[in-house]
Amino acid sequence: MKIIGLTGSIGMGKSTTAMLLADEGATVFDADAVVADLYTHGGAAVEPVGKAFPGVVREGQIDRDALSAALRANPSEFKRLEALVHPLVAAARADFFAQSEARGARFAVLDVPLLFETGLDDHVDAVIVVTAPEDVQRQRVLARAGMNGEKLDAILARQLPDGEKRKRADFVVDTSRGIEDARKQVRNILKQLEDQAR
C-alpha cells in the first residue's frame, strides 16, 4: 500500500482533489473531518480543550468560532491546543491505516492541511500539493460564509507558503482549470506511482 500525503493551502482545491483520489479507489483520511468529530458532542477533545480554553464549549461541543477567536487573541496557545488534539488525531490515523491495509487498498491518502508543518511528510511515500493562482484562491475563500480578509490572512500565516509547498512536492495538482483537468492530473499521478511500485 502506497501512502500519499495530500496538502495545499486553504482555497486551493484540496478537498476536491481528495474526492478525485477517492473516485480512483484510494482510501482518504481527512484530518479536518477527524478534528470536527473530536470537537462535536461526545468527542474525545471536548473535555480537555474545554478545560484548557475556558468558554469555548457550548452545548457540549467545541464552538469553533470561540476557539478561533481565543487563538487569534493569543497565537502562542496553538501549541497547547495541538498538544491536546494531535495525539487523538494520530490514534485515528493509525486505525485508518490498519483498516485500509485490511481492505487491500493500493493507495491510502493523508489529507492534512499542515502536512509539512507537522512533519507528516516524513511518513508518506509521496506528497501531492494542490495549488491554484493566488487570485483564484482568495476569490474561493472569501466567497465562503463567515470568511473575511483578516481571517484568511491569519490562516495563511500559519501555513507554509504555496511556493514552498510546491518546491517540496513530489507531484502538483493545479485545480484552476476545472475538475476534469484535475481528474486527469490525479489519474496520471496514480499511474506514475503504480509504475514505480512495479
N, C-alpha and C. Protein backbone atom coordinates (compact mmCIF):
# COMPACT_ATOMS: atom_id res chain seq x y z
N MET A 1 0.85 -1.20 0.00
CA MET A 1 0.00 0.00 0.00
C MET A 1 0.88 1.24 0.00
N LYS A 2 0.65 2.11 -0.97
CA LYS A 2 1.39 3.38 -1.02
C LYS A 2 0.64 4.43 -0.20
N ILE A 3 1.39 5.17 0.61
CA ILE A 3 0.78 6.24 1.41
C ILE A 3 1.10 7.58 0.75
N ILE A 4 0.05 8.32 0.43
CA ILE A 4 0.18 9.62 -0.24
C ILE A 4 -0.19 10.72 0.75
N GLY A 5 0.68 11.70 0.89
CA GLY A 5 0.34 12.89 1.66
C GLY A 5 -0.28 13.90 0.71
N LEU A 6 -1.45 14.42 1.09
CA LEU A 6 -2.15 15.41 0.26
C LEU A 6 -2.26 16.70 1.05
N THR A 7 -1.75 17.78 0.48
CA THR A 7 -1.82 19.05 1.19
C THR A 7 -1.97 20.20 0.21
N GLY A 8 -2.21 21.36 0.74
CA GLY A 8 -2.39 22.56 -0.07
C GLY A 8 -3.00 23.62 0.82
N SER A 9 -2.68 24.85 0.56
CA SER A 9 -3.20 25.95 1.37
C SER A 9 -4.71 26.06 1.20
N ILE A 10 -5.34 26.79 2.10
CA ILE A 10 -6.78 26.99 2.06
C ILE A 10 -7.21 27.54 0.70
N GLY A 11 -8.33 27.00 0.17
CA GLY A 11 -8.89 27.50 -1.07
C GLY A 11 -8.22 27.02 -2.34
N MET A 12 -7.29 26.05 -2.21
CA MET A 12 -6.57 25.58 -3.39
C MET A 12 -7.28 24.43 -4.12
N GLY A 13 -8.27 23.82 -3.45
CA GLY A 13 -8.99 22.70 -4.07
C GLY A 13 -8.58 21.34 -3.53
N LYS A 14 -8.06 21.33 -2.31
CA LYS A 14 -7.58 20.07 -1.71
C LYS A 14 -8.71 19.08 -1.49
N SER A 15 -9.86 19.56 -1.01
CA SER A 15 -11.00 18.65 -0.75
C SER A 15 -11.49 18.02 -2.05
N THR A 16 -11.54 18.82 -3.10
CA THR A 16 -11.95 18.29 -4.41
C THR A 16 -10.96 17.24 -4.89
N THR A 17 -9.67 17.51 -4.71
CA THR A 17 -8.64 16.55 -5.14
C THR A 17 -8.72 15.26 -4.33
N ALA A 18 -9.02 15.39 -3.03
CA ALA A 18 -9.20 14.20 -2.19
C ALA A 18 -10.36 13.35 -2.72
N MET A 19 -11.44 14.02 -3.13
CA MET A 19 -12.60 13.33 -3.68
C MET A 19 -12.22 12.60 -4.98
N LEU A 20 -11.41 13.27 -5.81
CA LEU A 20 -10.97 12.65 -7.07
C LEU A 20 -10.11 11.42 -6.80
N LEU A 21 -9.26 11.49 -5.78
CA LEU A 21 -8.44 10.33 -5.40
C LEU A 21 -9.32 9.19 -4.90
N ALA A 22 -10.34 9.53 -4.12
CA ALA A 22 -11.28 8.51 -3.63
C ALA A 22 -12.03 7.87 -4.80
N ASP A 23 -12.38 8.70 -5.81
CA ASP A 23 -13.06 8.17 -7.01
C ASP A 23 -12.21 7.11 -7.71
N GLU A 24 -10.89 7.24 -7.57
CA GLU A 24 -9.96 6.28 -8.22
C GLU A 24 -9.65 5.09 -7.30
N GLY A 25 -10.35 5.01 -6.16
CA GLY A 25 -10.20 3.83 -5.29
C GLY A 25 -9.30 4.02 -4.08
N ALA A 26 -8.73 5.21 -3.92
CA ALA A 26 -7.87 5.45 -2.75
C ALA A 26 -8.74 5.62 -1.50
N THR A 27 -8.22 5.17 -0.36
CA THR A 27 -8.89 5.49 0.90
C THR A 27 -8.33 6.83 1.36
N VAL A 28 -9.17 7.66 1.97
CA VAL A 28 -8.76 9.03 2.33
C VAL A 28 -9.00 9.29 3.80
N PHE A 29 -7.93 9.70 4.47
CA PHE A 29 -8.00 10.14 5.87
C PHE A 29 -8.08 11.66 5.86
N ASP A 30 -9.23 12.20 6.24
CA ASP A 30 -9.45 13.65 6.23
C ASP A 30 -9.22 14.18 7.64
N ALA A 31 -8.04 14.77 7.87
CA ALA A 31 -7.68 15.24 9.21
C ALA A 31 -8.67 16.28 9.72
N ASP A 32 -9.15 17.18 8.86
CA ASP A 32 -10.12 18.20 9.28
C ASP A 32 -11.42 17.56 9.77
N ALA A 33 -11.88 16.54 9.05
CA ALA A 33 -13.12 15.85 9.44
C ALA A 33 -12.95 15.13 10.77
N VAL A 34 -11.76 14.55 10.98
CA VAL A 34 -11.48 13.87 12.26
C VAL A 34 -11.52 14.88 13.40
N VAL A 35 -10.89 16.04 13.20
CA VAL A 35 -10.90 17.08 14.24
C VAL A 35 -12.33 17.54 14.51
N ALA A 36 -13.13 17.69 13.45
CA ALA A 36 -14.53 18.10 13.62
C ALA A 36 -15.28 17.09 14.50
N ASP A 37 -15.02 15.79 14.27
CA ASP A 37 -15.65 14.74 15.10
C ASP A 37 -15.18 14.83 16.55
N LEU A 38 -13.90 15.10 16.74
CA LEU A 38 -13.35 15.20 18.10
C LEU A 38 -13.96 16.38 18.85
N TYR A 39 -14.34 17.42 18.11
CA TYR A 39 -14.87 18.65 18.72
C TYR A 39 -16.39 18.59 18.94
N THR A 40 -17.05 17.63 18.30
CA THR A 40 -18.51 17.61 18.37
C THR A 40 -18.98 16.96 19.67
N HIS A 41 -20.29 17.00 19.90
CA HIS A 41 -20.89 16.47 21.13
C HIS A 41 -20.41 15.03 21.37
N GLY A 42 -19.80 14.77 22.53
CA GLY A 42 -19.30 13.43 22.85
C GLY A 42 -17.90 13.15 22.31
N GLY A 43 -17.31 14.10 21.58
CA GLY A 43 -15.98 13.90 21.01
C GLY A 43 -14.90 13.92 22.09
N ALA A 44 -13.82 13.18 21.84
CA ALA A 44 -12.78 13.00 22.86
C ALA A 44 -12.01 14.28 23.19
N ALA A 45 -12.09 15.30 22.32
CA ALA A 45 -11.34 16.53 22.58
C ALA A 45 -12.14 17.56 23.38
N VAL A 46 -13.44 17.35 23.51
CA VAL A 46 -14.29 18.38 24.11
C VAL A 46 -13.85 18.72 25.54
N GLU A 47 -13.70 17.68 26.37
CA GLU A 47 -13.35 17.95 27.77
C GLU A 47 -11.96 18.57 27.94
N PRO A 48 -10.89 17.97 27.37
CA PRO A 48 -9.56 18.58 27.57
C PRO A 48 -9.43 19.98 26.98
N VAL A 49 -10.00 20.21 25.80
CA VAL A 49 -9.91 21.54 25.18
C VAL A 49 -10.74 22.55 25.98
N GLY A 50 -11.89 22.10 26.47
CA GLY A 50 -12.73 22.97 27.29
C GLY A 50 -12.03 23.42 28.56
N LYS A 51 -11.26 22.49 29.16
CA LYS A 51 -10.50 22.85 30.38
C LYS A 51 -9.38 23.83 30.07
N ALA A 52 -8.71 23.61 28.94
CA ALA A 52 -7.56 24.45 28.58
C ALA A 52 -7.99 25.83 28.09
N PHE A 53 -9.18 25.90 27.48
CA PHE A 53 -9.66 27.16 26.91
C PHE A 53 -11.08 27.44 27.44
N PRO A 54 -11.17 27.98 28.64
CA PRO A 54 -12.49 28.21 29.25
C PRO A 54 -13.38 29.06 28.34
N GLY A 55 -14.65 28.63 28.25
CA GLY A 55 -15.62 29.40 27.48
C GLY A 55 -15.80 28.95 26.04
N VAL A 56 -15.01 27.94 25.58
CA VAL A 56 -15.14 27.54 24.18
C VAL A 56 -16.12 26.37 24.00
N VAL A 57 -16.58 25.77 25.10
CA VAL A 57 -17.55 24.68 24.98
C VAL A 57 -18.96 25.27 25.13
N ARG A 58 -19.79 25.01 24.12
CA ARG A 58 -21.20 25.45 24.15
C ARG A 58 -22.06 24.25 23.81
N GLU A 59 -23.04 23.99 24.67
CA GLU A 59 -23.97 22.87 24.45
C GLU A 59 -23.24 21.55 24.22
N GLY A 60 -22.18 21.34 25.00
CA GLY A 60 -21.49 20.05 24.97
C GLY A 60 -20.53 19.82 23.83
N GLN A 61 -20.28 20.86 23.05
CA GLN A 61 -19.28 20.71 21.97
C GLN A 61 -18.45 21.98 21.84
N ILE A 62 -17.32 21.84 21.15
CA ILE A 62 -16.43 22.98 20.97
C ILE A 62 -17.07 23.96 19.99
N ASP A 63 -17.18 25.22 20.40
CA ASP A 63 -17.62 26.28 19.50
C ASP A 63 -16.36 26.74 18.75
N ARG A 64 -16.26 26.35 17.49
CA ARG A 64 -15.02 26.61 16.74
C ARG A 64 -14.75 28.10 16.55
N ASP A 65 -15.82 28.89 16.44
CA ASP A 65 -15.63 30.34 16.30
C ASP A 65 -15.02 30.91 17.58
N ALA A 66 -15.51 30.44 18.73
CA ALA A 66 -14.98 30.91 20.02
C ALA A 66 -13.53 30.48 20.19
N LEU A 67 -13.23 29.24 19.79
CA LEU A 67 -11.85 28.74 19.88
C LEU A 67 -10.94 29.54 18.96
N SER A 68 -11.40 29.79 17.73
CA SER A 68 -10.61 30.58 16.76
C SER A 68 -10.32 31.98 17.30
N ALA A 69 -11.35 32.58 17.91
CA ALA A 69 -11.17 33.93 18.47
C ALA A 69 -10.14 33.93 19.58
N ALA A 70 -10.19 32.89 20.44
CA ALA A 70 -9.22 32.78 21.54
C ALA A 70 -7.80 32.61 21.00
N LEU A 71 -7.66 31.85 19.91
CA LEU A 71 -6.33 31.62 19.32
C LEU A 71 -5.82 32.85 18.58
N ARG A 72 -6.74 33.58 17.94
CA ARG A 72 -6.32 34.81 17.26
C ARG A 72 -5.83 35.83 18.28
N ALA A 73 -6.49 35.85 19.44
CA ALA A 73 -6.10 36.79 20.50
C ALA A 73 -4.75 36.41 21.12
N ASN A 74 -4.44 35.11 21.08
CA ASN A 74 -3.20 34.64 21.71
C ASN A 74 -2.63 33.47 20.89
N PRO A 75 -1.97 33.78 19.75
CA PRO A 75 -1.49 32.73 18.84
C PRO A 75 -0.52 31.72 19.48
N SER A 76 0.15 32.11 20.56
CA SER A 76 1.08 31.17 21.20
C SER A 76 0.34 29.96 21.79
N GLU A 77 -0.98 30.07 21.95
CA GLU A 77 -1.78 28.97 22.52
C GLU A 77 -2.01 27.83 21.52
N PHE A 78 -1.67 28.04 20.24
CA PHE A 78 -1.81 26.96 19.26
C PHE A 78 -1.05 25.71 19.71
N LYS A 79 0.15 25.93 20.27
CA LYS A 79 0.98 24.79 20.70
C LYS A 79 0.24 23.96 21.74
N ARG A 80 -0.43 24.65 22.69
CA ARG A 80 -1.14 23.93 23.74
C ARG A 80 -2.31 23.14 23.15
N LEU A 81 -3.02 23.77 22.21
CA LEU A 81 -4.14 23.08 21.56
C LEU A 81 -3.64 21.84 20.81
N GLU A 82 -2.55 22.02 20.06
CA GLU A 82 -2.01 20.90 19.28
C GLU A 82 -1.57 19.75 20.17
N ALA A 83 -1.00 20.07 21.33
CA ALA A 83 -0.56 19.02 22.27
C ALA A 83 -1.74 18.19 22.76
N LEU A 84 -2.93 18.79 22.80
CA LEU A 84 -4.12 18.07 23.23
C LEU A 84 -4.76 17.28 22.09
N VAL A 85 -4.79 17.88 20.91
CA VAL A 85 -5.56 17.30 19.80
C VAL A 85 -4.74 16.33 18.94
N HIS A 86 -3.46 16.64 18.71
CA HIS A 86 -2.67 15.81 17.80
C HIS A 86 -2.59 14.33 18.20
N PRO A 87 -2.42 14.01 19.50
CA PRO A 87 -2.39 12.57 19.85
C PRO A 87 -3.71 11.85 19.53
N LEU A 88 -4.83 12.56 19.66
CA LEU A 88 -6.13 11.96 19.34
C LEU A 88 -6.25 11.72 17.83
N VAL A 89 -5.76 12.68 17.05
CA VAL A 89 -5.78 12.53 15.58
C VAL A 89 -4.84 11.40 15.16
N ALA A 90 -3.69 11.29 15.82
CA ALA A 90 -2.72 10.23 15.50
C ALA A 90 -3.32 8.85 15.74
N ALA A 91 -4.09 8.70 16.80
CA ALA A 91 -4.74 7.42 17.10
C ALA A 91 -5.75 7.07 15.99
N ALA A 92 -6.52 8.07 15.56
CA ALA A 92 -7.49 7.86 14.47
C ALA A 92 -6.77 7.50 13.17
N ARG A 93 -5.62 8.12 12.95
CA ARG A 93 -4.83 7.86 11.73
C ARG A 93 -4.31 6.42 11.73
N ALA A 94 -3.85 5.94 12.88
CA ALA A 94 -3.35 4.57 12.99
C ALA A 94 -4.47 3.57 12.67
N ASP A 95 -5.68 3.85 13.17
CA ASP A 95 -6.84 2.98 12.87
C ASP A 95 -7.13 2.99 11.37
N PHE A 96 -7.06 4.18 10.77
CA PHE A 96 -7.32 4.32 9.34
C PHE A 96 -6.34 3.47 8.52
N PHE A 97 -5.05 3.53 8.86
CA PHE A 97 -4.06 2.74 8.13
C PHE A 97 -4.34 1.25 8.26
N ALA A 98 -4.67 0.81 9.46
CA ALA A 98 -4.94 -0.61 9.70
C ALA A 98 -6.15 -1.06 8.86
N GLN A 99 -7.19 -0.23 8.83
CA GLN A 99 -8.39 -0.59 8.07
C GLN A 99 -8.11 -0.58 6.56
N SER A 100 -7.33 0.40 6.10
CA SER A 100 -7.00 0.47 4.67
C SER A 100 -6.20 -0.75 4.24
N GLU A 101 -5.25 -1.13 5.07
CA GLU A 101 -4.41 -2.32 4.80
C GLU A 101 -5.29 -3.56 4.73
N ALA A 102 -6.21 -3.68 5.71
CA ALA A 102 -7.10 -4.85 5.77
C ALA A 102 -8.01 -4.93 4.54
N ARG A 103 -8.39 -3.77 4.01
CA ARG A 103 -9.26 -3.74 2.83
C ARG A 103 -8.49 -3.98 1.53
N GLY A 104 -7.16 -4.02 1.63
CA GLY A 104 -6.35 -4.24 0.43
C GLY A 104 -6.23 -3.02 -0.45
N ALA A 105 -6.33 -1.83 0.15
CA ALA A 105 -6.23 -0.58 -0.62
C ALA A 105 -4.84 -0.47 -1.25
N ARG A 106 -4.79 0.01 -2.49
CA ARG A 106 -3.49 0.25 -3.15
C ARG A 106 -2.90 1.58 -2.69
N PHE A 107 -3.80 2.55 -2.44
CA PHE A 107 -3.36 3.89 -2.03
C PHE A 107 -4.15 4.34 -0.81
N ALA A 108 -3.42 4.85 0.17
CA ALA A 108 -4.05 5.48 1.33
C ALA A 108 -3.59 6.93 1.35
N VAL A 109 -4.55 7.84 1.43
CA VAL A 109 -4.25 9.27 1.33
C VAL A 109 -4.41 9.94 2.68
N LEU A 110 -3.36 10.66 3.10
CA LEU A 110 -3.45 11.50 4.29
C LEU A 110 -3.74 12.92 3.84
N ASP A 111 -4.97 13.36 4.01
CA ASP A 111 -5.40 14.70 3.61
C ASP A 111 -5.20 15.61 4.83
N VAL A 112 -4.07 16.32 4.85
CA VAL A 112 -3.67 17.09 6.05
C VAL A 112 -3.24 18.50 5.61
N PRO A 113 -3.98 19.55 6.03
CA PRO A 113 -3.61 20.91 5.63
C PRO A 113 -2.18 21.28 6.06
N LEU A 114 -1.77 20.85 7.26
CA LEU A 114 -0.44 21.22 7.78
C LEU A 114 0.52 20.02 7.70
N LEU A 115 0.53 19.34 6.57
CA LEU A 115 1.35 18.14 6.39
C LEU A 115 2.83 18.43 6.64
N PHE A 116 3.37 19.46 5.98
CA PHE A 116 4.78 19.80 6.15
C PHE A 116 5.05 20.38 7.53
N GLU A 117 4.12 21.24 7.97
CA GLU A 117 4.32 21.95 9.23
C GLU A 117 4.36 21.00 10.43
N THR A 118 3.67 19.85 10.32
CA THR A 118 3.64 18.88 11.42
C THR A 118 4.64 17.73 11.21
N GLY A 119 5.39 17.77 10.10
CA GLY A 119 6.40 16.73 9.86
C GLY A 119 5.84 15.41 9.33
N LEU A 120 4.54 15.39 8.98
CA LEU A 120 3.94 14.14 8.50
C LEU A 120 4.42 13.76 7.10
N ASP A 121 5.03 14.73 6.39
CA ASP A 121 5.57 14.40 5.07
C ASP A 121 6.69 13.36 5.16
N ASP A 122 7.30 13.21 6.35
CA ASP A 122 8.35 12.21 6.54
C ASP A 122 7.79 10.79 6.63
N HIS A 123 6.46 10.67 6.75
CA HIS A 123 5.84 9.36 6.97
C HIS A 123 5.00 8.90 5.78
N VAL A 124 5.21 9.51 4.62
CA VAL A 124 4.45 9.13 3.43
C VAL A 124 5.41 8.76 2.30
N ASP A 125 4.88 8.04 1.30
CA ASP A 125 5.70 7.63 0.16
C ASP A 125 5.82 8.73 -0.89
N ALA A 126 4.82 9.59 -0.97
CA ALA A 126 4.83 10.69 -1.95
C ALA A 126 3.91 11.79 -1.45
N VAL A 127 4.22 13.02 -1.85
CA VAL A 127 3.39 14.17 -1.45
C VAL A 127 2.81 14.82 -2.70
N ILE A 128 1.48 15.02 -2.66
CA ILE A 128 0.79 15.79 -3.69
C ILE A 128 0.42 17.14 -3.08
N VAL A 129 0.83 18.21 -3.73
CA VAL A 129 0.43 19.56 -3.31
C VAL A 129 -0.59 20.08 -4.30
N VAL A 130 -1.70 20.57 -3.78
CA VAL A 130 -2.77 21.13 -4.61
C VAL A 130 -2.58 22.64 -4.64
N THR A 131 -2.66 23.22 -5.82
CA THR A 131 -2.38 24.64 -5.98
C THR A 131 -3.36 25.31 -6.93
N ALA A 132 -3.35 26.62 -6.91
CA ALA A 132 -4.12 27.46 -7.84
C ALA A 132 -3.51 28.85 -7.74
N PRO A 133 -3.70 29.70 -8.73
CA PRO A 133 -3.17 31.07 -8.63
C PRO A 133 -3.77 31.80 -7.41
N GLU A 134 -3.00 32.73 -6.87
CA GLU A 134 -3.39 33.43 -5.64
C GLU A 134 -4.75 34.13 -5.77
N ASP A 135 -5.02 34.74 -6.94
CA ASP A 135 -6.29 35.45 -7.09
C ASP A 135 -7.47 34.48 -7.06
N VAL A 136 -7.28 33.28 -7.61
CA VAL A 136 -8.32 32.25 -7.59
C VAL A 136 -8.54 31.78 -6.15
N GLN A 137 -7.44 31.57 -5.44
CA GLN A 137 -7.50 31.14 -4.05
C GLN A 137 -8.31 32.14 -3.20
N ARG A 138 -7.95 33.42 -3.30
CA ARG A 138 -8.63 34.43 -2.48
C ARG A 138 -10.11 34.53 -2.83
N GLN A 139 -10.40 34.46 -4.12
CA GLN A 139 -11.80 34.53 -4.57
C GLN A 139 -12.60 33.37 -3.98
N ARG A 140 -12.04 32.16 -4.02
CA ARG A 140 -12.73 30.98 -3.49
C ARG A 140 -12.97 31.11 -1.99
N VAL A 141 -11.92 31.51 -1.25
CA VAL A 141 -12.02 31.54 0.21
C VAL A 141 -12.96 32.66 0.67
N LEU A 142 -12.84 33.83 0.06
CA LEU A 142 -13.67 34.96 0.50
C LEU A 142 -15.15 34.79 0.14
N ALA A 143 -15.44 33.81 -0.73
CA ALA A 143 -16.84 33.50 -1.06
C ALA A 143 -17.49 32.63 0.02
N ARG A 144 -16.67 32.09 0.94
CA ARG A 144 -17.21 31.22 1.99
C ARG A 144 -17.92 32.04 3.06
N ALA A 145 -18.98 31.46 3.60
CA ALA A 145 -19.74 32.14 4.66
C ALA A 145 -18.84 32.39 5.87
N GLY A 146 -18.92 33.60 6.42
CA GLY A 146 -18.18 33.92 7.64
C GLY A 146 -16.70 34.19 7.44
N MET A 147 -16.24 34.21 6.20
CA MET A 147 -14.81 34.41 5.93
C MET A 147 -14.58 35.86 5.52
N ASN A 148 -13.45 36.40 5.95
CA ASN A 148 -13.05 37.75 5.53
C ASN A 148 -11.54 37.77 5.35
N GLY A 149 -11.03 38.89 4.85
CA GLY A 149 -9.60 39.00 4.56
C GLY A 149 -8.73 38.80 5.78
N GLU A 150 -9.18 39.30 6.92
CA GLU A 150 -8.39 39.18 8.16
C GLU A 150 -8.26 37.71 8.59
N LYS A 151 -9.39 36.99 8.53
CA LYS A 151 -9.36 35.56 8.90
C LYS A 151 -8.48 34.78 7.94
N LEU A 152 -8.62 35.09 6.64
CA LEU A 152 -7.82 34.39 5.63
C LEU A 152 -6.34 34.63 5.89
N ASP A 153 -5.95 35.88 6.14
CA ASP A 153 -4.54 36.19 6.38
C ASP A 153 -4.01 35.48 7.62
N ALA A 154 -4.86 35.34 8.66
CA ALA A 154 -4.45 34.64 9.89
C ALA A 154 -4.21 33.16 9.60
N ILE A 155 -5.07 32.57 8.76
CA ILE A 155 -4.90 31.15 8.40
C ILE A 155 -3.63 30.97 7.58
N LEU A 156 -3.44 31.84 6.59
CA LEU A 156 -2.27 31.72 5.71
C LEU A 156 -0.97 31.92 6.48
N ALA A 157 -1.01 32.74 7.53
CA ALA A 157 0.20 32.99 8.34
C ALA A 157 0.69 31.72 9.03
N ARG A 158 -0.22 30.77 9.28
CA ARG A 158 0.17 29.52 9.94
C ARG A 158 0.58 28.44 8.94
N GLN A 159 0.34 28.69 7.66
CA GLN A 159 0.63 27.68 6.64
C GLN A 159 1.89 28.04 5.86
N LEU A 160 2.64 27.03 5.52
CA LEU A 160 3.81 27.21 4.67
C LEU A 160 3.33 27.85 3.36
N PRO A 161 4.06 28.84 2.82
CA PRO A 161 3.62 29.47 1.57
C PRO A 161 3.48 28.45 0.44
N ASP A 162 2.54 28.72 -0.46
CA ASP A 162 2.26 27.81 -1.57
C ASP A 162 3.51 27.48 -2.38
N GLY A 163 4.32 28.49 -2.67
CA GLY A 163 5.53 28.25 -3.47
C GLY A 163 6.49 27.28 -2.80
N GLU A 164 6.60 27.38 -1.48
CA GLU A 164 7.47 26.47 -0.71
C GLU A 164 6.91 25.05 -0.73
N LYS A 165 5.59 24.95 -0.60
CA LYS A 165 4.96 23.62 -0.65
C LYS A 165 5.22 22.96 -2.01
N ARG A 166 5.05 23.74 -3.08
CA ARG A 166 5.24 23.18 -4.42
C ARG A 166 6.67 22.69 -4.61
N LYS A 167 7.64 23.43 -4.04
CA LYS A 167 9.05 23.02 -4.14
C LYS A 167 9.29 21.67 -3.47
N ARG A 168 8.56 21.42 -2.39
CA ARG A 168 8.78 20.19 -1.61
C ARG A 168 7.91 19.03 -2.06
N ALA A 169 7.04 19.28 -3.04
CA ALA A 169 6.09 18.25 -3.50
C ALA A 169 6.75 17.24 -4.43
N ASP A 170 6.23 16.03 -4.43
CA ASP A 170 6.60 15.05 -5.46
C ASP A 170 5.73 15.26 -6.70
N PHE A 171 4.48 15.68 -6.46
CA PHE A 171 3.53 15.93 -7.54
C PHE A 171 2.72 17.18 -7.19
N VAL A 172 2.30 17.91 -8.24
CA VAL A 172 1.47 19.10 -8.04
C VAL A 172 0.21 18.96 -8.88
N VAL A 173 -0.95 19.26 -8.27
CA VAL A 173 -2.22 19.30 -9.00
C VAL A 173 -2.68 20.75 -9.02
N ASP A 174 -2.85 21.29 -10.22
CA ASP A 174 -3.34 22.66 -10.40
C ASP A 174 -4.85 22.57 -10.65
N THR A 175 -5.64 23.13 -9.73
CA THR A 175 -7.10 23.00 -9.82
C THR A 175 -7.77 24.18 -10.53
N SER A 176 -6.99 25.07 -11.10
CA SER A 176 -7.58 26.29 -11.67
C SER A 176 -8.21 26.06 -13.04
N ARG A 177 -7.99 24.88 -13.63
CA ARG A 177 -8.51 24.63 -14.98
C ARG A 177 -9.75 23.72 -14.98
N GLY A 178 -10.38 23.57 -13.84
CA GLY A 178 -11.61 22.78 -13.78
C GLY A 178 -11.41 21.37 -13.29
N ILE A 179 -12.53 20.73 -12.95
CA ILE A 179 -12.47 19.43 -12.27
C ILE A 179 -12.00 18.30 -13.20
N GLU A 180 -12.39 18.33 -14.46
CA GLU A 180 -11.99 17.24 -15.36
C GLU A 180 -10.49 17.28 -15.63
N ASP A 181 -9.94 18.49 -15.72
CA ASP A 181 -8.49 18.62 -15.89
C ASP A 181 -7.78 18.10 -14.64
N ALA A 182 -8.31 18.43 -13.46
CA ALA A 182 -7.71 17.94 -12.20
C ALA A 182 -7.80 16.42 -12.13
N ARG A 183 -8.92 15.85 -12.60
CA ARG A 183 -9.08 14.39 -12.60
C ARG A 183 -7.99 13.72 -13.44
N LYS A 184 -7.71 14.31 -14.62
CA LYS A 184 -6.65 13.77 -15.48
C LYS A 184 -5.31 13.80 -14.76
N GLN A 185 -5.03 14.91 -14.07
CA GLN A 185 -3.76 15.04 -13.34
C GLN A 185 -3.65 13.96 -12.25
N VAL A 186 -4.76 13.75 -11.53
CA VAL A 186 -4.78 12.74 -10.46
C VAL A 186 -4.53 11.35 -11.03
N ARG A 187 -5.21 11.02 -12.13
CA ARG A 187 -5.02 9.69 -12.74
C ARG A 187 -3.59 9.49 -13.20
N ASN A 188 -3.01 10.54 -13.76
CA ASN A 188 -1.62 10.46 -14.21
C ASN A 188 -0.66 10.21 -13.05
N ILE A 189 -0.91 10.89 -11.92
CA ILE A 189 -0.06 10.71 -10.73
C ILE A 189 -0.17 9.27 -10.21
N LEU A 190 -1.39 8.76 -10.11
CA LEU A 190 -1.57 7.40 -9.60
C LEU A 190 -0.92 6.37 -10.53
N LYS A 191 -1.00 6.62 -11.83
CA LYS A 191 -0.34 5.72 -12.79
C LYS A 191 1.17 5.73 -12.57
N GLN A 192 1.74 6.92 -12.38
CA GLN A 192 3.19 7.01 -12.14
C GLN A 192 3.57 6.27 -10.86
N LEU A 193 2.76 6.42 -9.81
CA LEU A 193 3.05 5.73 -8.55
C LEU A 193 2.93 4.21 -8.71
N GLU A 194 1.96 3.78 -9.47
CA GLU A 194 1.83 2.33 -9.72
C GLU A 194 3.02 1.81 -10.52
N ASP A 195 3.45 2.58 -11.52
CA ASP A 195 4.61 2.18 -12.33
C ASP A 195 5.86 2.06 -11.47
N GLN A 196 6.01 3.01 -10.52
CA GLN A 196 7.18 2.98 -9.61
C GLN A 196 7.17 1.73 -8.74
N ALA A 197 5.96 1.26 -8.38
CA ALA A 197 5.83 0.13 -7.47
C ALA A 197 6.11 -1.20 -8.17
N ARG A 198 6.09 -1.18 -9.51
CA ARG A 198 6.30 -2.44 -10.24
C ARG A 198 7.75 -2.88 -10.22
